[in-house]
Protein backbone atom coordinates (compact mmCIF):
# COMPACT_ATOMS: atom_id res chain seq x y z
CA MET A 1 27.27 -24.13 -29.01
CA THR A 2 26.83 -27.59 -27.50
CA SER A 3 26.07 -27.80 -23.81
CA ARG A 4 29.41 -29.50 -23.09
CA VAL A 5 31.42 -26.81 -24.85
CA SER A 6 29.36 -24.15 -23.11
CA ARG A 7 30.07 -25.68 -19.69
CA VAL A 8 33.80 -25.81 -20.35
CA ASP A 9 33.69 -22.27 -21.70
CA ASN A 10 31.93 -20.99 -18.60
CA VAL A 11 34.40 -22.73 -16.29
CA LEU A 12 37.39 -21.23 -18.12
CA PHE A 13 35.72 -17.84 -18.30
CA ARG A 14 35.12 -17.78 -14.54
CA LYS A 15 38.69 -18.83 -13.81
CA VAL A 16 40.01 -15.94 -15.88
CA ALA A 17 37.46 -13.58 -14.28
CA GLY A 18 38.42 -14.73 -10.81
CA GLY A 19 42.15 -14.54 -11.46
CA ARG A 20 44.21 -11.40 -11.24
CA LEU A 21 47.42 -10.39 -12.98
CA PRO A 22 49.60 -7.63 -11.47
CA GLY A 23 48.98 -4.37 -13.33
CA ALA A 24 46.67 -6.00 -15.87
CA ASP A 25 43.43 -4.50 -14.55
CA ARG A 26 44.39 -1.09 -15.91
CA VAL A 27 46.57 -2.05 -18.88
CA LEU A 28 44.52 -4.74 -20.62
CA PRO A 29 41.21 -2.81 -20.86
CA ARG A 30 43.07 0.10 -22.46
CA LEU A 31 44.91 -2.22 -24.81
CA SER A 32 41.63 -3.88 -25.76
CA ARG A 33 40.00 -0.51 -26.54
CA SER A 34 42.99 0.60 -28.61
CA ALA A 35 42.38 -2.32 -30.99
CA ASN A 36 38.82 -1.19 -31.78
CA HIS A 37 38.28 -1.00 -35.56
CA GLY A 38 41.87 -2.16 -36.10
CA LEU A 39 43.31 1.23 -35.05
CA LEU A 40 46.11 -0.35 -33.01
CA TRP A 41 47.21 -2.46 -35.98
CA PHE A 42 46.97 0.33 -38.54
CA GLY A 43 49.16 2.44 -36.27
CA THR A 44 51.56 -0.46 -35.83
CA ALA A 45 51.68 -0.98 -39.61
CA ALA A 46 52.56 2.68 -40.11
CA ALA A 47 55.30 2.46 -37.47
CA ILE A 48 56.72 -0.71 -39.02
CA ALA A 49 56.75 0.77 -42.53
CA THR A 50 58.40 3.97 -41.28
CA LEU A 51 60.81 2.74 -38.62
CA GLY A 52 61.55 -0.87 -39.68
CA GLY A 53 65.24 -1.70 -40.11
CA ASP A 54 65.08 -2.97 -43.70
CA ARG A 55 62.69 -0.48 -45.27
CA GLY A 56 61.65 -2.77 -48.14
CA THR A 57 60.98 -5.76 -45.89
CA ALA A 58 59.26 -3.58 -43.31
CA ARG A 59 56.89 -2.05 -45.86
CA ARG A 60 55.98 -5.46 -47.23
CA ALA A 61 55.43 -6.83 -43.72
CA ALA A 62 53.12 -3.92 -42.91
CA LEU A 63 51.19 -4.41 -46.16
CA ARG A 64 50.85 -8.16 -45.69
CA GLY A 65 49.70 -7.74 -42.09
CA THR A 66 47.13 -5.11 -43.07
CA ALA A 67 45.81 -7.18 -46.00
CA SER A 68 45.46 -10.23 -43.71
CA LEU A 69 43.62 -8.12 -41.13
CA ALA A 70 41.22 -6.80 -43.78
CA LEU A 71 40.34 -10.31 -44.95
CA ALA A 72 39.93 -11.61 -41.39
CA SER A 73 37.62 -8.72 -40.49
CA LEU A 74 35.55 -9.32 -43.60
CA VAL A 75 35.08 -13.02 -42.80
CA THR A 76 34.39 -12.41 -39.11
CA ASN A 77 31.92 -9.57 -39.39
CA THR A 78 30.01 -10.50 -42.53
CA LEU A 79 29.88 -14.28 -42.24
CA ALA A 80 30.89 -15.82 -38.91
CA LYS A 81 29.05 -13.46 -36.54
CA ARG A 82 25.87 -13.69 -38.58
CA THR A 83 26.02 -17.47 -38.68
CA VAL A 84 26.65 -18.14 -34.97
CA ARG A 85 24.55 -15.69 -32.93
CA ARG A 86 25.98 -16.24 -29.48
CA ASP A 87 25.18 -13.90 -26.60
CA ARG A 88 27.99 -12.11 -24.76
CA PRO A 89 29.06 -13.43 -21.32
CA LEU A 90 27.46 -11.98 -18.21
CA LEU A 91 29.76 -9.50 -16.50
CA ASN A 92 28.87 -10.51 -12.93
CA PRO A 93 32.11 -12.47 -12.26
CA VAL A 94 34.33 -9.75 -13.76
CA PRO A 95 35.61 -6.98 -11.44
CA SER A 96 34.17 -3.61 -12.44
CA ILE A 97 37.64 -2.10 -12.86
CA ARG A 98 38.12 -4.33 -15.90
CA HIS A 99 34.84 -3.43 -17.60
CA LEU A 100 35.13 -1.62 -20.90
CA LYS A 101 33.60 1.85 -20.96
CA ARG A 102 31.51 0.86 -23.95
CA GLN A 103 30.32 -2.71 -24.13
CA PRO A 104 30.19 -4.24 -27.64
CA ARG A 105 26.72 -4.82 -29.08
CA THR A 106 27.55 -7.44 -31.71
CA THR A 107 27.29 -11.18 -31.14
CA SER A 108 30.04 -12.90 -29.20
CA PHE A 109 31.28 -15.64 -31.55
CA PRO A 110 33.94 -15.30 -32.87
CA SER A 111 36.12 -12.55 -31.43
CA GLY A 112 36.81 -9.94 -34.11
CA HIS A 113 39.63 -8.43 -32.03
CA ALA A 114 41.34 -11.82 -31.76
CA ALA A 115 40.90 -12.46 -35.49
CA SER A 116 42.41 -9.10 -36.42
CA ALA A 117 45.29 -9.50 -33.97
CA ALA A 118 46.17 -13.01 -35.16
CA ALA A 119 45.84 -12.04 -38.83
CA PHE A 120 48.07 -9.01 -38.50
CA ALA A 121 50.75 -10.76 -36.44
CA THR A 122 50.80 -13.83 -38.69
CA GLY A 123 50.94 -11.73 -41.85
CA VAL A 124 53.84 -9.66 -40.52
CA ALA A 125 55.71 -12.78 -39.38
CA MET A 126 55.38 -14.40 -42.82
CA GLU A 127 57.28 -11.50 -44.37
CA SER A 128 59.63 -10.76 -41.45
CA PRO A 129 60.00 -13.27 -38.58
CA GLY A 130 61.86 -10.65 -36.55
CA LEU A 131 59.08 -8.09 -36.74
CA GLY A 132 56.55 -10.85 -36.19
CA ALA A 133 58.25 -11.78 -32.91
CA VAL A 134 57.84 -8.17 -31.76
CA VAL A 135 54.17 -7.96 -32.75
CA ALA A 136 53.10 -11.42 -31.52
CA PRO A 137 53.14 -10.66 -27.73
CA VAL A 138 50.97 -7.59 -28.29
CA ALA A 139 48.56 -9.60 -30.43
CA ALA A 140 48.40 -12.32 -27.76
CA ALA A 141 47.71 -9.71 -25.09
CA VAL A 142 44.86 -8.22 -27.14
CA ALA A 143 43.30 -11.65 -27.63
CA PHE A 144 43.60 -12.49 -23.91
CA SER A 145 42.19 -9.08 -22.94
CA ARG A 146 38.88 -9.95 -24.57
CA VAL A 147 38.30 -12.70 -21.99
CA TYR A 148 39.95 -10.77 -19.15
CA THR A 149 37.57 -7.83 -19.66
CA GLY A 150 34.57 -10.14 -19.85
CA VAL A 151 33.39 -9.46 -23.43
CA HIS A 152 34.20 -12.91 -24.90
CA TYR A 153 34.32 -16.56 -23.95
CA PRO A 154 37.62 -18.42 -24.48
CA THR A 155 36.24 -20.33 -27.48
CA ASP A 156 35.27 -17.02 -29.09
CA VAL A 157 38.90 -15.97 -28.89
CA ALA A 158 40.21 -19.34 -30.08
CA ALA A 159 37.91 -19.24 -33.12
CA GLY A 160 39.00 -15.67 -33.88
CA ILE A 161 42.67 -16.67 -33.76
CA ALA A 162 42.00 -19.55 -36.14
CA ILE A 163 40.18 -17.25 -38.59
CA GLY A 164 42.95 -14.67 -38.41
CA ALA A 165 45.72 -17.20 -39.03
CA GLY A 166 43.71 -18.72 -41.88
CA ALA A 167 43.23 -15.30 -43.48
CA ALA A 168 46.99 -14.67 -43.36
CA LEU A 169 47.66 -18.04 -44.99
CA LEU A 170 45.17 -17.29 -47.77
CA VAL A 171 46.74 -13.87 -48.39
CA ARG A 172 50.12 -15.60 -48.58
CA ARG A 173 48.75 -17.93 -51.23
CA LEU A 174 47.32 -15.06 -53.22
CA LEU A 175 50.40 -12.87 -52.75
CA PRO A 176 53.40 -15.16 -52.16
CA SER A 177 56.42 -13.64 -50.44
CA ARG A 178 59.51 -13.27 -52.53
CA GLN A 179 61.28 -15.30 -49.86
CA LEU A 180 59.52 -18.25 -51.56
CA VAL A 181 60.57 -17.28 -55.09
CA PRO A 182 63.40 -19.19 -56.82
CA PRO A 183 66.72 -17.34 -57.14
CA PRO A 184 66.89 -15.17 -60.27
CA VAL A 185 68.54 -16.52 -63.40
CA ARG A 186 70.61 -13.84 -65.13
CA ALA A 187 72.95 -13.90 -68.11
CA SER A 188 75.71 -11.46 -67.17
CA VAL A 189 77.21 -9.26 -69.90
CA ARG A 190 79.56 -6.31 -69.90
CA ALA A 191 78.44 -2.78 -70.70
CA PRO A 192 80.22 0.60 -70.89
CA ARG A 193 81.30 1.95 -67.54
CA LEU A 194 79.47 5.19 -66.81
CA PRO A 195 80.69 6.58 -63.44
CA ASP A 196 78.27 9.13 -61.98
CA GLY A 197 76.17 8.66 -65.13
CA ALA A 198 78.74 10.12 -67.57
CA GLY A 199 77.51 9.17 -71.06
CA LEU A 200 74.01 8.31 -69.83
CA VAL A 201 71.06 10.12 -71.40
CA VAL A 202 67.92 9.72 -69.29
CA VAL A 203 64.36 10.27 -70.50
CA ALA A 204 62.28 11.19 -67.45
CA ASN A 205 58.50 11.23 -67.19
CA SER A 206 57.63 14.61 -65.68
CA GLY A 207 55.00 13.04 -63.43
CA SER A 208 57.25 10.31 -62.02
CA GLY A 209 59.16 10.15 -58.80
CA PRO A 210 58.68 9.21 -55.14
CA THR A 211 58.54 12.89 -54.10
CA ASP A 212 57.34 16.22 -55.51
CA ASP A 213 60.91 17.13 -56.50
CA PRO A 214 61.44 17.56 -60.26
CA PRO A 215 62.83 14.38 -61.90
CA GLU A 216 65.97 16.19 -63.07
CA GLU A 217 66.81 17.07 -59.46
CA VAL A 218 66.24 13.51 -58.24
CA ILE A 219 68.39 12.10 -61.06
CA GLY A 220 71.04 14.82 -60.72
CA ALA A 221 71.52 14.08 -57.04
CA ALA A 222 72.37 10.42 -57.76
CA LEU A 223 73.93 10.69 -61.24
CA PRO A 224 75.35 14.21 -61.58
CA GLU A 225 77.05 13.54 -64.96
CA ALA A 226 73.92 12.21 -66.68
CA GLU A 227 72.00 14.24 -69.25
CA VAL A 228 68.25 14.44 -68.67
CA MET A 229 65.44 14.94 -71.18
CA ILE A 230 61.94 15.56 -69.80
CA PHE A 231 58.84 14.03 -71.38
CA GLY A 232 55.36 15.39 -70.76
CA ARG A 233 56.19 18.79 -69.33
CA ASP A 234 55.68 21.04 -72.35
CA GLY A 235 53.37 18.74 -74.31
CA ASP A 236 54.98 19.58 -77.65
CA GLU A 237 56.64 16.20 -78.23
CA ASP A 238 55.42 12.63 -77.87
CA LEU A 239 57.33 9.91 -76.03
CA PRO A 240 58.77 8.13 -79.12
CA ALA A 241 60.21 11.44 -80.36
CA VAL A 242 61.88 12.18 -77.02
CA LEU A 243 63.27 8.63 -76.84
CA SER A 244 64.58 8.89 -80.40
CA ARG A 245 66.45 12.11 -79.61
CA ALA A 246 67.83 10.64 -76.40
CA ALA A 247 68.99 7.44 -78.14
CA LYS A 248 70.80 9.42 -80.84
CA ARG A 249 72.52 11.53 -78.22
CA ALA A 250 73.55 8.46 -76.21
CA THR A 251 74.98 6.90 -79.38
CA GLN A 252 77.08 10.03 -79.96
CA LEU A 253 78.41 9.81 -76.39
CA GLY A 254 79.10 6.08 -76.64
CA GLY A 255 77.01 5.57 -73.53
CA ALA A 256 73.54 4.27 -72.73
CA LEU A 257 69.87 5.22 -72.74
CA GLY A 258 68.27 5.71 -69.34
CA VAL A 259 64.63 5.87 -68.33
CA PHE A 260 62.92 7.29 -65.23
CA GLY A 261 59.23 6.45 -65.16
CA GLY A 262 56.61 3.75 -64.82
CA ASP A 263 56.53 0.41 -66.59
CA GLY A 264 54.83 1.84 -69.70
CA THR A 265 57.61 4.39 -70.15
CA VAL A 266 60.22 1.70 -69.49
CA GLY A 267 58.68 -0.57 -72.13
CA ALA A 268 58.86 2.17 -74.77
CA ALA A 269 62.46 3.00 -73.81
CA ALA A 270 63.42 -0.68 -74.05
CA GLY A 271 62.22 -0.76 -77.65
CA ALA A 272 64.19 2.38 -78.47
CA ALA A 273 67.36 1.02 -76.84
CA LEU A 274 67.13 -2.29 -78.72
CA GLU A 275 66.52 -0.47 -82.00
CA GLU A 276 69.69 1.60 -81.55
CA GLY A 277 71.78 -1.22 -80.06
CA LEU A 278 72.19 0.67 -76.76
CA PRO A 279 72.29 -0.63 -73.20
CA LEU A 280 69.35 0.46 -71.05
CA ALA A 281 69.50 1.84 -67.51
CA VAL A 282 66.22 1.67 -65.56
CA LEU A 283 65.88 4.11 -62.67
CA PRO A 284 63.18 3.12 -60.15
CA GLY A 285 61.09 6.26 -60.13
CA GLY A 286 57.65 5.60 -61.56
CA THR A 287 54.27 4.66 -60.16
CA LEU A 288 54.84 0.98 -60.95
CA ASN A 289 58.35 -0.46 -61.30
CA HIS A 290 57.82 -4.19 -61.70
CA PHE A 291 60.61 -4.50 -64.27
CA ALA A 292 63.11 -2.67 -62.06
CA HIS A 293 62.21 -4.82 -59.06
CA ASP A 294 62.54 -8.03 -61.08
CA LEU A 295 66.01 -6.83 -62.01
CA GLY A 296 66.78 -6.39 -58.32
CA ILE A 297 66.90 -2.58 -58.48
CA SER A 298 64.87 -0.86 -55.80
CA GLU A 299 67.08 2.19 -55.16
CA VAL A 300 68.91 4.55 -57.51
CA ASP A 301 72.14 3.91 -55.57
CA GLU A 302 72.07 0.27 -56.73
CA LEU A 303 71.89 1.38 -60.35
CA ARG A 304 74.68 3.93 -59.84
CA GLU A 305 77.01 1.17 -58.67
CA ALA A 306 76.11 -1.01 -61.67
CA LEU A 307 76.75 1.89 -64.07
CA ALA A 308 80.15 2.62 -62.52
CA ALA A 309 81.19 -1.05 -62.75
CA GLY A 310 79.66 -1.72 -66.17
CA GLU A 311 77.59 -4.56 -64.74
CA ALA A 312 74.65 -5.65 -66.88
CA VAL A 313 72.45 -8.58 -67.84
CA GLU A 314 70.79 -9.70 -71.04
CA VAL A 315 66.99 -9.74 -70.89
CA ASP A 316 64.14 -10.44 -73.29
CA LEU A 317 61.94 -7.84 -74.92
CA ALA A 318 58.53 -8.93 -76.20
CA ARG A 319 56.78 -7.48 -79.25
CA PHE A 320 53.15 -7.15 -80.32
CA GLY A 321 52.01 -6.02 -83.73
CA GLU A 322 54.46 -4.15 -85.92
CA HIS A 323 55.95 -1.68 -83.46
CA GLY A 324 54.63 -2.40 -79.95
CA THR A 325 56.94 -3.67 -77.21
CA PHE A 326 56.51 -4.69 -73.59
CA VAL A 327 58.89 -5.66 -70.80
CA ASN A 328 56.29 -7.05 -68.39
CA THR A 329 52.77 -7.89 -69.54
CA PHE A 330 50.32 -7.72 -72.44
CA ALA A 331 46.58 -8.36 -72.10
CA LEU A 332 43.25 -8.24 -73.91
CA GLY A 333 39.82 -8.38 -72.30
CA VAL A 334 38.92 -7.13 -68.84
CA TYR A 335 42.52 -6.59 -67.78
CA PRO A 336 42.65 -2.99 -69.11
CA GLU A 337 39.52 -2.17 -67.12
CA LEU A 338 40.96 -3.93 -64.09
CA VAL A 339 44.03 -1.67 -64.34
CA ARG A 340 41.83 1.42 -64.48
CA VAL A 341 39.69 0.44 -61.48
CA ARG A 342 42.72 -0.64 -59.46
CA GLU A 343 44.52 2.65 -60.11
CA ARG A 344 41.41 4.60 -59.09
CA TRP A 345 41.11 2.78 -55.76
CA SER A 346 44.79 2.23 -54.88
CA PRO A 347 45.42 5.71 -53.41
CA ARG A 348 42.38 5.30 -51.15
CA ILE A 349 42.62 1.73 -49.85
CA GLY A 350 46.00 0.37 -50.94
CA SER A 351 47.14 -1.83 -53.83
CA TRP A 352 46.06 -5.29 -52.67
CA PRO A 353 42.50 -4.38 -51.57
CA ALA A 354 42.16 -2.29 -54.75
CA GLY A 355 43.08 -5.33 -56.83
CA VAL A 356 40.37 -7.39 -55.13
CA VAL A 357 37.77 -4.65 -55.66
CA ALA A 358 38.81 -4.29 -59.30
CA ALA A 359 38.57 -8.02 -60.05
CA TRP A 360 35.12 -8.24 -58.46
CA GLN A 361 33.85 -5.17 -60.30
CA VAL A 362 35.10 -5.96 -63.79
CA LEU A 363 33.82 -9.55 -63.73
CA ARG A 364 30.37 -8.26 -62.76
CA GLU A 365 30.13 -5.21 -65.02
CA TYR A 366 32.08 -5.88 -68.19
CA ALA A 367 31.43 -8.23 -71.08
CA PRO A 368 33.96 -10.75 -72.38
CA ALA A 369 35.65 -10.23 -75.74
CA GLU A 370 35.67 -12.48 -78.78
CA VAL A 371 39.04 -13.47 -80.28
CA HIS A 372 40.13 -15.95 -82.91
CA ILE A 373 43.32 -17.84 -82.05
CA ASN A 374 44.84 -20.29 -84.51
CA GLY A 375 41.56 -20.44 -86.40
CA SER A 376 39.42 -21.16 -83.31
CA ARG A 377 36.78 -18.76 -81.96
CA HIS A 378 36.82 -18.03 -78.21
CA ARG A 379 34.95 -15.77 -75.80
CA VAL A 380 37.45 -14.68 -73.16
CA TRP A 381 37.46 -12.53 -70.06
CA LEU A 382 41.20 -12.18 -70.28
CA LEU A 383 44.05 -13.08 -72.60
CA PHE A 384 47.32 -12.40 -70.79
CA ALA A 385 50.89 -12.76 -72.04
CA GLY A 386 53.90 -12.26 -69.81
CA ASN A 387 57.37 -11.44 -71.08
CA CYS A 388 59.06 -14.61 -69.73
CA ARG A 389 57.53 -17.08 -67.33
CA TYR A 390 55.82 -15.69 -64.24
CA ASP A 391 56.07 -17.66 -61.00
CA GLY A 392 52.90 -18.22 -58.99
CA LEU A 393 50.65 -16.57 -61.55
CA GLY A 394 46.92 -16.76 -61.01
CA LEU A 395 44.71 -14.04 -62.48
CA ALA A 396 47.50 -11.47 -62.03
CA PRO A 397 51.28 -11.75 -62.37
CA GLN A 398 53.52 -12.01 -59.32
CA ASN A 399 57.20 -12.11 -60.27
CA ARG A 400 59.81 -13.61 -62.59
CA SER A 401 63.01 -15.43 -61.73
CA ASN A 402 64.31 -15.53 -65.33
CA LEU A 403 64.13 -12.49 -67.61
CA ALA A 404 65.75 -14.17 -70.62
CA ASP A 405 64.03 -17.54 -71.17
CA GLY A 406 62.79 -16.73 -74.68
CA LEU A 407 59.19 -17.55 -73.75
CA LEU A 408 55.79 -15.89 -73.57
CA ASP A 409 53.71 -16.91 -70.55
CA VAL A 410 50.20 -17.03 -72.06
CA ARG A 411 47.13 -17.31 -69.80
CA VAL A 412 43.50 -17.29 -70.92
CA ALA A 413 40.37 -16.95 -68.79
CA TYR A 414 37.51 -18.32 -70.91
CA ALA A 415 33.97 -16.94 -70.66
CA ASP A 416 32.22 -20.30 -70.47
CA HIS A 417 29.19 -21.24 -68.34
CA TRP A 418 29.56 -20.00 -64.73
CA ALA A 419 32.97 -18.59 -65.67
CA ARG A 420 32.83 -15.68 -63.20
CA THR A 421 32.10 -17.97 -60.26
CA ARG A 422 34.67 -20.53 -61.34
CA LEU A 423 37.38 -17.92 -61.82
CA LEU A 424 36.82 -16.24 -58.46
CA ALA A 425 36.51 -19.56 -56.63
CA GLY A 426 39.66 -20.91 -58.29
CA ALA A 427 41.62 -17.78 -57.46
CA LEU A 428 40.59 -17.85 -53.80
CA ALA A 429 41.23 -21.59 -53.45
CA GLY A 430 44.54 -21.47 -55.29
CA THR A 431 43.30 -23.99 -57.89
CA LEU A 432 42.92 -21.62 -60.82
CA GLN A 433 45.45 -23.40 -63.03
CA SER A 434 43.38 -26.60 -62.95
CA SER A 435 40.10 -24.81 -63.62
CA PRO A 436 38.32 -25.72 -66.89
CA VAL A 437 37.84 -22.00 -67.63
CA HIS A 438 41.56 -21.24 -67.36
CA GLY A 439 44.22 -22.17 -69.92
CA ALA A 440 47.99 -21.67 -69.84
CA ALA A 441 50.90 -22.29 -72.19
CA LEU A 442 54.55 -21.28 -72.62
CA LEU A 443 55.05 -20.16 -76.23
CA ARG A 444 57.59 -18.39 -78.40
CA ARG A 445 54.98 -16.89 -80.71
CA LEU A 446 51.21 -16.39 -80.66
CA ARG A 447 49.07 -15.29 -83.59
CA ILE A 448 45.70 -13.70 -82.80
CA ASP A 449 43.81 -13.78 -86.10
CA TRP A 450 40.86 -11.56 -85.16
CA ILE A 451 39.95 -9.31 -82.23
CA GLU A 452 36.42 -8.03 -81.65
CA PRO A 453 36.16 -4.29 -82.48
CA GLY A 454 36.09 -2.13 -79.36
CA THR A 455 38.35 -4.47 -77.39
CA GLN A 456 41.07 -2.67 -75.49
CA LEU A 457 44.66 -3.70 -75.10
CA ALA A 458 46.97 -3.17 -72.11
CA HIS A 459 50.74 -3.39 -72.22
CA ASP A 460 52.89 -2.57 -69.18
CA GLY A 461 49.97 -0.67 -67.66
CA GLU A 462 49.30 1.47 -70.76
CA VAL A 463 45.83 1.11 -72.30
CA THR A 464 44.99 1.54 -76.00
CA ASP A 465 42.56 0.22 -78.63
CA ALA A 466 43.41 -3.23 -79.98
CA PRO A 467 43.97 -3.72 -83.74
CA ARG A 468 41.94 -6.25 -85.71
CA ALA A 469 44.77 -8.82 -85.51
CA LEU A 470 48.31 -9.06 -84.18
CA THR A 471 51.18 -11.39 -83.41
CA LEU A 472 53.01 -11.71 -80.10
CA SER A 473 56.68 -12.67 -80.30
CA LYS A 474 60.10 -12.17 -78.78
CA ALA A 475 62.47 -9.58 -80.24
CA ALA A 476 65.48 -10.99 -82.07
CA GLY A 477 68.55 -10.51 -79.88
CA GLY A 478 68.67 -9.73 -76.21
CA LEU A 479 68.39 -6.33 -74.59
CA THR A 480 71.34 -5.30 -72.39
CA VAL A 481 70.20 -3.74 -69.11
CA TYR A 482 72.40 -2.40 -66.31
CA CYS A 483 71.93 -4.50 -63.20
CA PRO A 484 73.96 -5.02 -60.01
CA GLN A 485 75.61 -8.44 -59.93
CA THR A 486 75.58 -8.78 -56.15
CA ALA A 487 72.98 -11.04 -54.58
CA PRO A 488 69.60 -9.33 -55.02
CA ASP A 489 67.00 -8.72 -52.36
CA LEU A 490 64.61 -11.63 -52.96
CA THR A 491 62.11 -10.14 -50.54
CA GLY A 492 61.36 -7.23 -52.88
CA PRO A 493 57.89 -5.83 -53.44
CA VAL A 494 55.22 -8.10 -54.85
CA ALA A 495 53.55 -7.01 -58.05
CA ILE A 496 49.63 -6.87 -57.89
């Protein structure tokens, strides 16, 4: 710190130490202690996610605030404090009643408490201004308490606030809010009316669902007239066989094929529905439901209303190879490993931090794959294809505003010199699309002439061995999917 800044800091510090706010001498030290290790903000995030008015918005606000806090803490504790080794203020001017029971032992600049408070409050406000307005005064009080209790200079707190706000802005760039996403483009079509699910035959993954209740009970409570077939419980039938039986039964009833499961199960059901010329009903009940959320379906009640009214849209279905289909994404290279690592860590640390850990690990530990595209040989970390154009796509997809544009969103991360560093730097800076090791194109068809043996393939979260060659394309004719025609919630969950 320069001598001039230090003098100003000391003057301001002594003014705060000499001042007195009614009731603050007992409240602010306790508030300051409650924010140790982010405990206050983790508790607040849990309260927001549980008690927030709009449950979807509240959960996303809590997640965004927590992710921002995690990044701010990382920058503050591993970089900033080790770079600027400033001693803590002397406690002589501070009344003893304000002293913390345990004085911090780390360096003073910047304030980690202020960084965490600003990051959490800013992250919450970006997703929900109303909730942000509630959190902001508490965050401001925590930041002020660090000077009031004598453990930080004012510039320590100011720097912490700047780091926290910057971390929230970076998280927003990496995970844009759906409030920033263009309105969805949907081609409305009519479908059979199926009140209470009459005529609907649902294939349910036995391991899916937001609770431990059996899938047939969850579905029966919302759609009592629907027929349910369970996949994966007895182990005597594979998924295509169950879907085939369900599609034939739905055809007999003149109804529709339904699916209750994750994106991989949905992708297989979409292929079966298109093959039989049936409408598809997607119930949000799996581990990952990116397709359902892009349709604007986050609750079973929304689908029930669409079924009763016969409201549907026409969407694209993408194909790979002779029989493979996907509704969301296809990838070769490190992406399958990234999915595995992310799923292993998600239950422990949450989806967004798990995605960061997975990206870092796979780029360090796994080798790129060789592919031949249009006669040219390439070494790639990742070859990604999205079913329709993804908005704000960096290394991982975010969301789609149009599910029927007839296009494949192809992205390639090349394994050139310093590719790992360039990819990570581009992703963090938001300049990935202009990076020389990143390519992108919107195509209707892509032929991959040769794939290195041992390369794995991921489609809608399912991982399998890649064939020696394949073609990506769009299925002829659109797939009819039940979807509410009212204005969707554009602040739905972000896909990581």
